[in-house]
Protein backbone atom coordinates (compact mmCIF):
# COMPACT_ATOMS: atom_id res chain seq x y z
CA MET A 1 -19.82 31.07 -44.54
CA ASP A 2 -22.57 33.70 -44.57
CA PRO A 3 -21.82 37.21 -45.07
CA GLN A 4 -24.73 38.50 -42.71
CA ASP A 5 -22.32 37.15 -39.95
CA LEU A 6 -20.53 41.03 -40.58
CA LEU A 7 -23.96 42.68 -40.35
CA THR A 8 -25.17 41.41 -36.94
CA ASP A 9 -24.26 41.66 -33.37
CA GLY A 10 -20.91 39.35 -32.51
CA ALA A 11 -20.87 36.58 -30.16
CA GLU A 12 -21.39 37.37 -26.52
CA GLU A 13 -20.47 33.42 -25.17
CA SER A 14 -17.12 33.13 -24.33
CA LEU A 15 -14.43 30.68 -25.40
CA SER A 16 -14.04 27.14 -23.11
CA SER A 17 -11.55 26.94 -20.82
CA SER A 18 -8.17 25.26 -22.00
CA ASN A 19 -6.93 25.03 -18.39
CA HIS A 20 -4.08 27.05 -19.69
CA VAL A 21 -2.65 24.50 -21.50
CA ASP A 22 0.59 25.55 -23.97
CA PRO A 23 -0.39 24.10 -27.14
CA TYR A 24 2.87 24.31 -28.46
CA SER A 25 4.51 22.21 -25.42
CA LEU A 26 2.28 19.29 -26.43
CA VAL A 27 4.02 19.12 -29.80
CA ALA A 28 7.67 20.68 -29.14
CA ARG A 29 9.28 17.32 -30.00
CA GLN A 30 7.85 17.52 -33.45
CA LEU A 31 8.09 21.10 -33.97
CA GLN A 32 11.63 20.62 -33.66
CA ARG A 33 11.61 18.10 -36.16
CA VAL A 34 9.83 20.49 -38.34
CA GLU A 35 12.67 23.50 -37.59
CA GLU A 36 15.83 20.77 -38.42
CA LYS A 37 13.51 19.84 -41.97
CA LEU A 38 12.84 23.59 -42.87
CA ALA A 39 16.56 24.53 -42.01
CA ASP A 40 18.02 21.32 -43.88
CA CYS A 41 15.55 21.45 -47.04
CA THR A 42 16.04 25.51 -47.40
CA ARG A 43 19.77 25.34 -48.66
CA SER A 44 20.53 26.07 -51.92
CA ARG A 45 23.40 25.16 -54.10
CA GLU A 46 22.95 29.02 -54.89
CA SER A 47 24.04 30.52 -51.44
CA GLU A 48 21.68 33.80 -52.19
CA ILE A 49 18.57 31.57 -52.22
CA THR A 50 19.97 29.94 -48.87
CA ASP A 51 20.62 33.63 -47.41
CA ILE A 52 17.02 34.96 -48.27
CA ALA A 53 15.21 31.75 -47.10
CA SER A 54 16.76 31.65 -43.58
CA HIS A 55 16.04 35.34 -43.49
CA LEU A 56 12.64 34.84 -43.40
CA ILE A 57 12.49 31.14 -42.16
CA ARG A 58 14.71 31.58 -39.12
CA GLY A 59 14.17 35.17 -38.43
CA GLY A 60 11.05 34.15 -36.25
CA GLY A 61 7.37 33.56 -36.58
CA LYS A 62 4.86 31.41 -34.90
CA ARG A 63 4.81 28.71 -36.88
CA ILE A 64 0.71 28.32 -36.26
CA ARG A 65 0.23 26.31 -39.62
CA PRO A 66 2.51 23.67 -38.28
CA VAL A 67 0.98 23.92 -35.29
CA ILE A 68 -2.51 23.31 -36.23
CA THR A 69 -1.50 20.17 -38.45
CA LEU A 70 0.58 18.53 -35.64
CA LEU A 71 -2.14 18.75 -33.15
CA THR A 72 -4.95 17.73 -35.65
CA PHE A 73 -2.71 14.62 -36.50
CA GLU A 74 -2.58 13.82 -32.37
CA ALA A 75 -6.48 14.70 -31.92
CA PHE A 76 -6.99 11.80 -34.20
CA HIS A 77 -4.63 9.51 -33.00
CA GLY A 78 -2.25 10.06 -35.82
CA GLY A 79 0.43 6.81 -35.81
CA ARG A 80 3.35 7.99 -38.07
CA GLU A 81 4.63 11.00 -36.51
CA GLN A 82 7.54 11.76 -39.70
CA ASP A 83 4.03 12.15 -41.81
CA ALA A 84 2.60 14.41 -39.42
CA VAL A 85 6.18 16.77 -39.64
CA ASP A 86 6.49 16.01 -43.27
CA ILE A 87 3.13 17.84 -43.82
CA ALA A 88 3.51 20.55 -41.62
CA THR A 89 6.78 21.70 -42.87
CA ALA A 90 5.09 21.76 -46.10
CA MET A 91 2.43 24.00 -44.75
CA GLU A 92 5.14 26.14 -43.05
CA LEU A 93 7.11 26.64 -46.46
CA ILE A 94 4.02 27.35 -48.20
CA HIS A 95 3.25 29.95 -45.96
CA ALA A 96 6.99 31.88 -46.32
CA ALA A 97 6.67 31.69 -50.02
CA THR A 98 3.71 33.49 -49.94
CA LEU A 99 5.06 36.10 -47.29
CA LEU A 100 8.22 36.55 -49.77
CA HIS A 101 5.96 37.24 -52.82
CA ASP A 102 3.94 39.19 -50.40
CA ASP A 103 6.06 41.50 -49.29
CA ILE A 104 7.34 42.39 -52.92
CA ILE A 105 3.65 43.27 -53.79
CA ASP A 106 2.94 45.47 -50.78
CA GLY A 107 6.60 47.12 -51.36
CA ALA A 108 6.90 46.15 -47.50
CA GLU A 109 10.12 47.42 -45.73
CA PHE A 110 9.87 45.33 -42.60
CA ARG A 111 8.88 41.73 -41.95
CA ARG A 112 8.84 40.47 -38.14
CA GLY A 113 10.20 43.23 -36.47
CA LYS A 114 13.77 43.38 -39.49
CA GLN A 115 14.29 44.66 -42.79
CA SER A 116 12.14 42.77 -45.45
CA ALA A 117 13.57 40.14 -47.63
CA TYR A 118 12.58 42.30 -50.77
CA LYS A 119 14.08 45.15 -49.70
CA ARG A 120 17.38 43.69 -48.19
CA TYR A 121 18.15 41.39 -51.46
CA GLY A 122 15.57 42.90 -54.07
CA LEU A 123 12.93 41.70 -56.51
CA THR A 124 13.96 39.46 -58.49
CA ARG A 125 16.03 37.20 -55.73
CA THR A 126 13.33 37.37 -53.92
CA LEU A 127 10.66 36.21 -56.19
CA VAL A 128 13.05 33.25 -57.35
CA THR A 129 13.51 32.31 -53.58
CA GLY A 130 9.58 32.36 -52.67
CA ASP A 131 8.99 30.18 -56.02
CA PHE A 132 11.99 27.94 -54.55
CA LEU A 133 9.91 27.71 -51.11
CA PHE A 134 6.98 26.67 -53.42
CA ILE A 135 8.60 23.60 -55.09
CA LYS A 136 9.96 22.78 -51.86
CA ALA A 137 7.06 22.45 -50.01
CA PHE A 138 5.75 20.09 -52.88
CA GLU A 139 8.78 17.54 -52.25
CA PHE A 140 7.28 17.32 -48.86
CA ALA A 141 3.51 16.75 -50.06
CA GLY A 142 4.67 14.52 -53.10
CA LYS A 143 5.57 11.94 -50.54
CA PHE A 144 1.62 10.95 -50.15
CA ASP A 145 -1.29 9.84 -52.28
CA GLU A 146 -2.67 11.90 -54.81
CA THR A 147 -5.45 13.45 -52.32
CA VAL A 148 -3.11 14.69 -50.32
CA VAL A 149 -0.59 16.18 -53.28
CA GLN A 150 -4.36 17.86 -54.53
CA TRP A 151 -5.77 19.24 -51.64
CA THR A 152 -1.88 21.16 -51.11
CA ALA A 153 -2.43 22.38 -54.41
CA ASP A 154 -5.92 23.59 -54.14
CA ALA A 155 -4.72 25.91 -50.84
CA CYS A 156 -1.78 26.90 -53.52
CA THR A 157 -4.36 27.90 -55.41
CA SER A 158 -6.70 29.68 -53.17
CA LEU A 159 -3.84 31.30 -51.99
CA THR A 160 -3.37 32.70 -55.61
CA GLU A 161 -6.82 33.79 -55.93
CA GLY A 162 -7.06 35.27 -52.76
CA GLU A 163 -4.49 37.84 -53.67
CA ILE A 164 -5.81 38.80 -57.12
CA LEU A 165 -9.41 38.94 -55.38
CA GLN A 166 -7.65 41.44 -52.68
CA GLY A 167 -5.93 43.20 -55.23
CA SER A 168 -9.46 43.91 -57.13
CA PHE A 169 -10.50 45.65 -53.85
CA ASN A 170 -7.48 47.85 -53.42
CA ARG A 171 -8.62 51.02 -52.14
CA ASN A 172 -12.33 50.43 -53.74
CA ARG A 173 -15.12 51.43 -50.97
CA THR A 174 -17.33 49.14 -52.80
CA VAL A 175 -16.14 46.37 -50.81
CA THR A 176 -18.62 44.05 -49.37
CA ALA A 177 -18.90 42.03 -46.44
CA GLU A 178 -19.24 39.09 -48.49
CA ASP A 179 -16.20 40.27 -50.78
CA TYR A 180 -14.19 40.93 -47.39
CA LEU A 181 -15.05 36.83 -46.25
CA HIS A 182 -14.15 35.46 -49.65
CA ILE A 183 -10.68 37.12 -49.74
CA VAL A 184 -9.96 36.33 -46.06
CA GLU A 185 -11.40 32.22 -46.95
CA ARG A 186 -8.69 32.17 -49.46
CA LYS A 187 -5.90 34.18 -49.05
CA THR A 188 -5.60 33.46 -45.06
CA ALA A 189 -8.13 30.66 -44.26
CA SER A 190 -7.08 28.37 -46.72
CA LEU A 191 -3.92 27.13 -45.45
CA PHE A 192 -5.06 26.73 -41.77
CA GLN A 193 -8.23 24.64 -43.02
CA THR A 194 -5.96 22.53 -45.43
CA GLY A 195 -3.42 21.86 -42.69
CA ALA A 196 -6.02 20.90 -40.03
CA LYS A 197 -7.75 18.76 -42.72
CA LEU A 198 -4.25 17.22 -43.87
CA GLY A 199 -3.42 16.35 -40.36
CA ALA A 200 -6.61 14.44 -39.75
CA TYR A 201 -6.42 12.63 -42.64
CA ILE A 202 -3.09 11.15 -42.75
CA ALA A 203 -3.93 10.24 -39.07
CA GLY A 204 -6.45 8.01 -40.89
CA ALA A 205 -9.44 10.11 -39.74
CA PRO A 206 -12.93 8.75 -41.50
CA SER A 207 -13.82 11.22 -43.94
CA GLU A 208 -16.63 13.34 -41.58
CA GLN A 209 -14.19 14.30 -39.35
CA VAL A 210 -11.54 15.27 -41.97
CA GLU A 211 -14.84 17.56 -43.02
CA MET A 212 -14.33 18.36 -39.40
CA ALA A 213 -10.85 19.13 -39.34
CA ALA A 214 -11.43 21.30 -42.20
CA SER A 215 -14.44 23.26 -40.70
CA PHE A 216 -12.29 23.82 -37.56
CA GLY A 217 -9.33 25.47 -39.53
CA LEU A 218 -11.20 27.70 -41.82
CA ASN A 219 -13.42 29.07 -39.06
CA LEU A 220 -9.67 29.72 -36.88
CA GLY A 221 -8.08 31.20 -39.99
CA ILE A 222 -11.08 33.45 -40.45
CA ALA A 223 -10.77 34.23 -36.49
CA PHE A 224 -7.17 34.67 -36.93
CA GLN A 225 -7.16 37.16 -39.79
CA MET A 226 -10.09 39.32 -38.19
CA MET A 227 -7.75 39.64 -35.45
CA ASP A 228 -4.70 40.52 -37.39
CA ASP A 229 -6.45 43.36 -39.25
CA VAL A 230 -7.51 44.80 -35.46
CA LEU A 231 -3.96 44.87 -34.54
CA ASP A 232 -3.18 46.54 -37.27
CA VAL A 233 -5.87 49.61 -36.03
CA VAL A 234 -4.60 49.04 -32.51
CA GLY A 235 -1.81 47.39 -31.94
CA ARG A 236 2.15 48.01 -30.66
CA ARG A 237 4.77 48.20 -32.97
CA ASP A 238 7.12 46.52 -30.78
CA LEU A 239 4.99 43.39 -30.48
CA LEU A 240 3.94 43.29 -34.11
CA GLY A 241 7.54 43.81 -35.78
CA LYS A 242 5.92 46.70 -37.69
CA SER A 243 3.80 50.00 -38.05
CA THR A 244 0.31 49.95 -37.46
CA GLY A 245 -1.87 51.33 -40.63
CA MET A 246 -0.42 48.98 -43.24
CA ASP A 247 -3.77 48.06 -44.28
CA LEU A 248 -4.46 51.94 -45.15
CA ARG A 249 -1.05 52.39 -46.72
CA ASP A 250 -1.41 49.45 -49.04
CA GLY A 251 -5.18 49.82 -49.64
CA ASN A 252 -6.13 46.15 -48.35
CA PRO A 253 -9.92 46.39 -47.23
CA SER A 254 -9.27 44.61 -43.78
CA LEU A 255 -12.23 44.00 -41.43
CA PRO A 256 -11.60 47.39 -39.62
CA ILE A 257 -11.78 49.73 -42.67
CA VAL A 258 -14.91 47.35 -44.36
CA LEU A 259 -17.39 48.29 -41.20
CA SER A 260 -16.14 51.74 -41.46
CA LEU A 261 -16.86 51.80 -45.12
CA LEU A 262 -20.20 50.23 -44.51
CA ASP A 263 -21.01 52.50 -41.57
CA GLY A 264 -20.47 55.95 -44.22
CA HIS A 265 -17.14 56.95 -42.37
CA ARG A 266 -15.96 60.03 -44.27
CA THR A 267 -12.48 60.06 -42.97
CA VAL A 268 -11.87 56.16 -43.21
CA SER A 269 -12.96 56.04 -46.65
CA GLN A 270 -10.98 59.20 -48.18
CA VAL A 271 -7.64 57.68 -46.57
CA PHE A 272 -8.75 54.29 -47.74
CA GLN A 273 -9.40 55.56 -51.73
CA SER A 274 -5.96 58.00 -51.40
CA GLN A 275 -3.35 56.59 -53.64
CA THR A 276 -0.76 58.86 -51.41
CA PRO A 277 -2.13 58.94 -47.97
CA THR A 278 0.26 61.00 -45.62
CA GLU A 279 1.58 59.49 -42.42
CA ASN A 280 -0.95 62.25 -40.87
CA ASP A 281 -3.95 60.66 -43.19
CA ILE A 282 -2.83 57.24 -41.95
CA GLN A 283 -3.05 58.61 -38.30
CA ARG A 284 -6.48 60.43 -38.72
CA ALA A 285 -8.14 57.26 -39.86
CA LEU A 286 -6.64 55.10 -36.94
CA ASP A 287 -7.66 57.52 -34.64
CA ALA A 288 -11.18 57.48 -35.97
CA MET A 289 -11.35 53.77 -35.55
CA GLY A 290 -9.93 53.08 -32.66
CA ASN A 291 -12.25 55.63 -30.94
CA GLY A 292 -15.67 54.33 -32.81
CA THR A 293 -17.25 50.90 -31.96
CA VAL A 294 -15.31 49.09 -35.10
CA ILE A 295 -12.81 47.76 -33.31
CA GLU A 296 -14.90 46.46 -30.60
CA ARG A 297 -17.20 45.00 -33.34
CA ALA A 298 -14.24 43.48 -35.24
CA ARG A 299 -12.90 41.73 -31.80
CA SER A 300 -16.54 40.19 -31.52
CA PHE A 301 -16.59 38.73 -35.21
CA SER A 302 -13.42 37.32 -34.44
CA ARG A 303 -14.60 36.04 -31.25
CA LYS A 304 -17.49 34.39 -33.42
CA TYR A 305 -15.84 32.62 -36.08
CA ALA A 306 -13.67 31.13 -32.75
CA LEU A 307 -16.50 29.78 -31.21
CA LYS A 308 -17.17 27.90 -34.73
CA ALA A 309 -13.84 26.60 -34.38
CA SER A 310 -14.00 25.32 -30.56
CA ARG A 311 -17.39 23.99 -31.46
CA GLU A 312 -16.12 21.37 -33.58
CA ILE A 313 -12.87 20.66 -31.27
CA GLU A 314 -15.59 19.80 -28.74
CA ARG A 315 -16.87 17.07 -30.79
CA LEU A 316 -13.96 15.20 -30.37
CA PRO A 317 -12.94 12.69 -26.97
CA GLU A 318 -10.72 14.24 -24.83
CA CYS A 319 -7.10 14.05 -25.56
CA MET A 320 -4.02 15.80 -25.51
CA GLY A 321 -4.72 16.73 -29.13
CA ARG A 322 -7.79 18.49 -28.43
CA ASP A 323 -6.66 19.97 -25.54
CA GLY A 324 -3.97 21.86 -27.61
CA LEU A 325 -6.39 22.91 -30.09
CA ARG A 326 -8.71 23.86 -27.43
CA ALA A 327 -5.79 25.91 -26.25
CA LEU A 328 -4.35 27.33 -29.56
CA VAL A 329 -8.04 28.85 -30.52
CA GLY A 330 -8.13 31.08 -27.43
CA LEU A 331 -4.03 31.97 -27.68
CA LEU A 332 -4.73 33.44 -31.42
CA THR A 333 -7.49 35.04 -30.98
CA ASP A 334 -6.91 36.83 -27.54
CA ARG A 335 -3.36 38.11 -28.89
CA HIS A 336 -1.28 41.21 -28.71
CA SER A 337 1.30 40.56 -31.67
C-alpha cells in the first residue's frame, strides 16, 4: 500500500456493473444461521453480560464482515457451509468486541442510533463484555486448524495495534498520509482482509487465490473506512445513527482531516488540535471541509481502493459468489450510512 496514493489524483474509472445484485440476498440463509449463533453464544450465566452483548449485537449493524466471509467462501465453491458460518460468526464477534471497547475509549454516547452500551451499562461491565465476545470468537475459530487460529489472532493483534497507533496521532497535526494508511490497514481493513482470506482458505482455495482474496479484503476495508470518514463530515445523522463531526470531537485523524492538514487549512488544523472544541468550532471545521475539495478527493481515493478490490474479484470465474462480491464493493463505497 503506497501512501503516494493519497498525494495523487484519485481514480476516474467507474466500478464494474453488478447488475443490481443484492449481495445479502445471495447468502441470506447462511446469514440467518450466523444470527442464530450470535444469539446463542452471547448468552451468559451472568444476565448483565447477556444484556450488554444483546444491546449491541441485536441493535442492528450491517454484518459486513460475515457477508464478506460467506461470499468469498461461495466464490471459491466451498463445500462445508457450516465452516463458513462459524468463521463468519467469529468475525462478527470480534468486530462487536472492538465496538464495545472503542465506545469506552471514545466516551461515545451513541452507537447505531441508540445509547451506547458504555453510557447505559458503565465502563467496567462494557469492558468485560467486550472481553467475553473476544473469547467467544475463539470458540469458533478454535474449531479449525492452527492456520485459522493464527490468522484470527493476527487480525486481533492488528486491531489493537491500530488503536494504539491512532491514539498516538490523536490531535497531532504531524500525522501523514502514510500514518493514516497504516492506521486504517490495521484498525479497519485487517478484519475485512482476514474474513476474505479465511473464506477462501476454508473453501479449499490454493494459496495464491487465498492471497488474492486477502488483497481484495484489504483494499475493500480501506475503501470502506475512507467512505466512513467522508460521511462523518457530510453524512446525515438520521441515516448514520450518530452525529457528524465525531472524528473532530475525538481528535481522530480521518481522511478529510489529514487531507486538510496536508493542504495547510488553518481552521481544520486548529479545531483538530483543540482539546475542548466547541460545537461551533466543530461546525466551522466541517463547513470548511465540506465547502472545499477534500470531500470529493476523499471519495475519489475511496473509489481508487474499491477499484483495486474489484480487479481482484474480476480474476475469479463467473459465479454467484463473484457477483455478490462485485455488488458488495459498490454497495459499501456508494452509500449514505
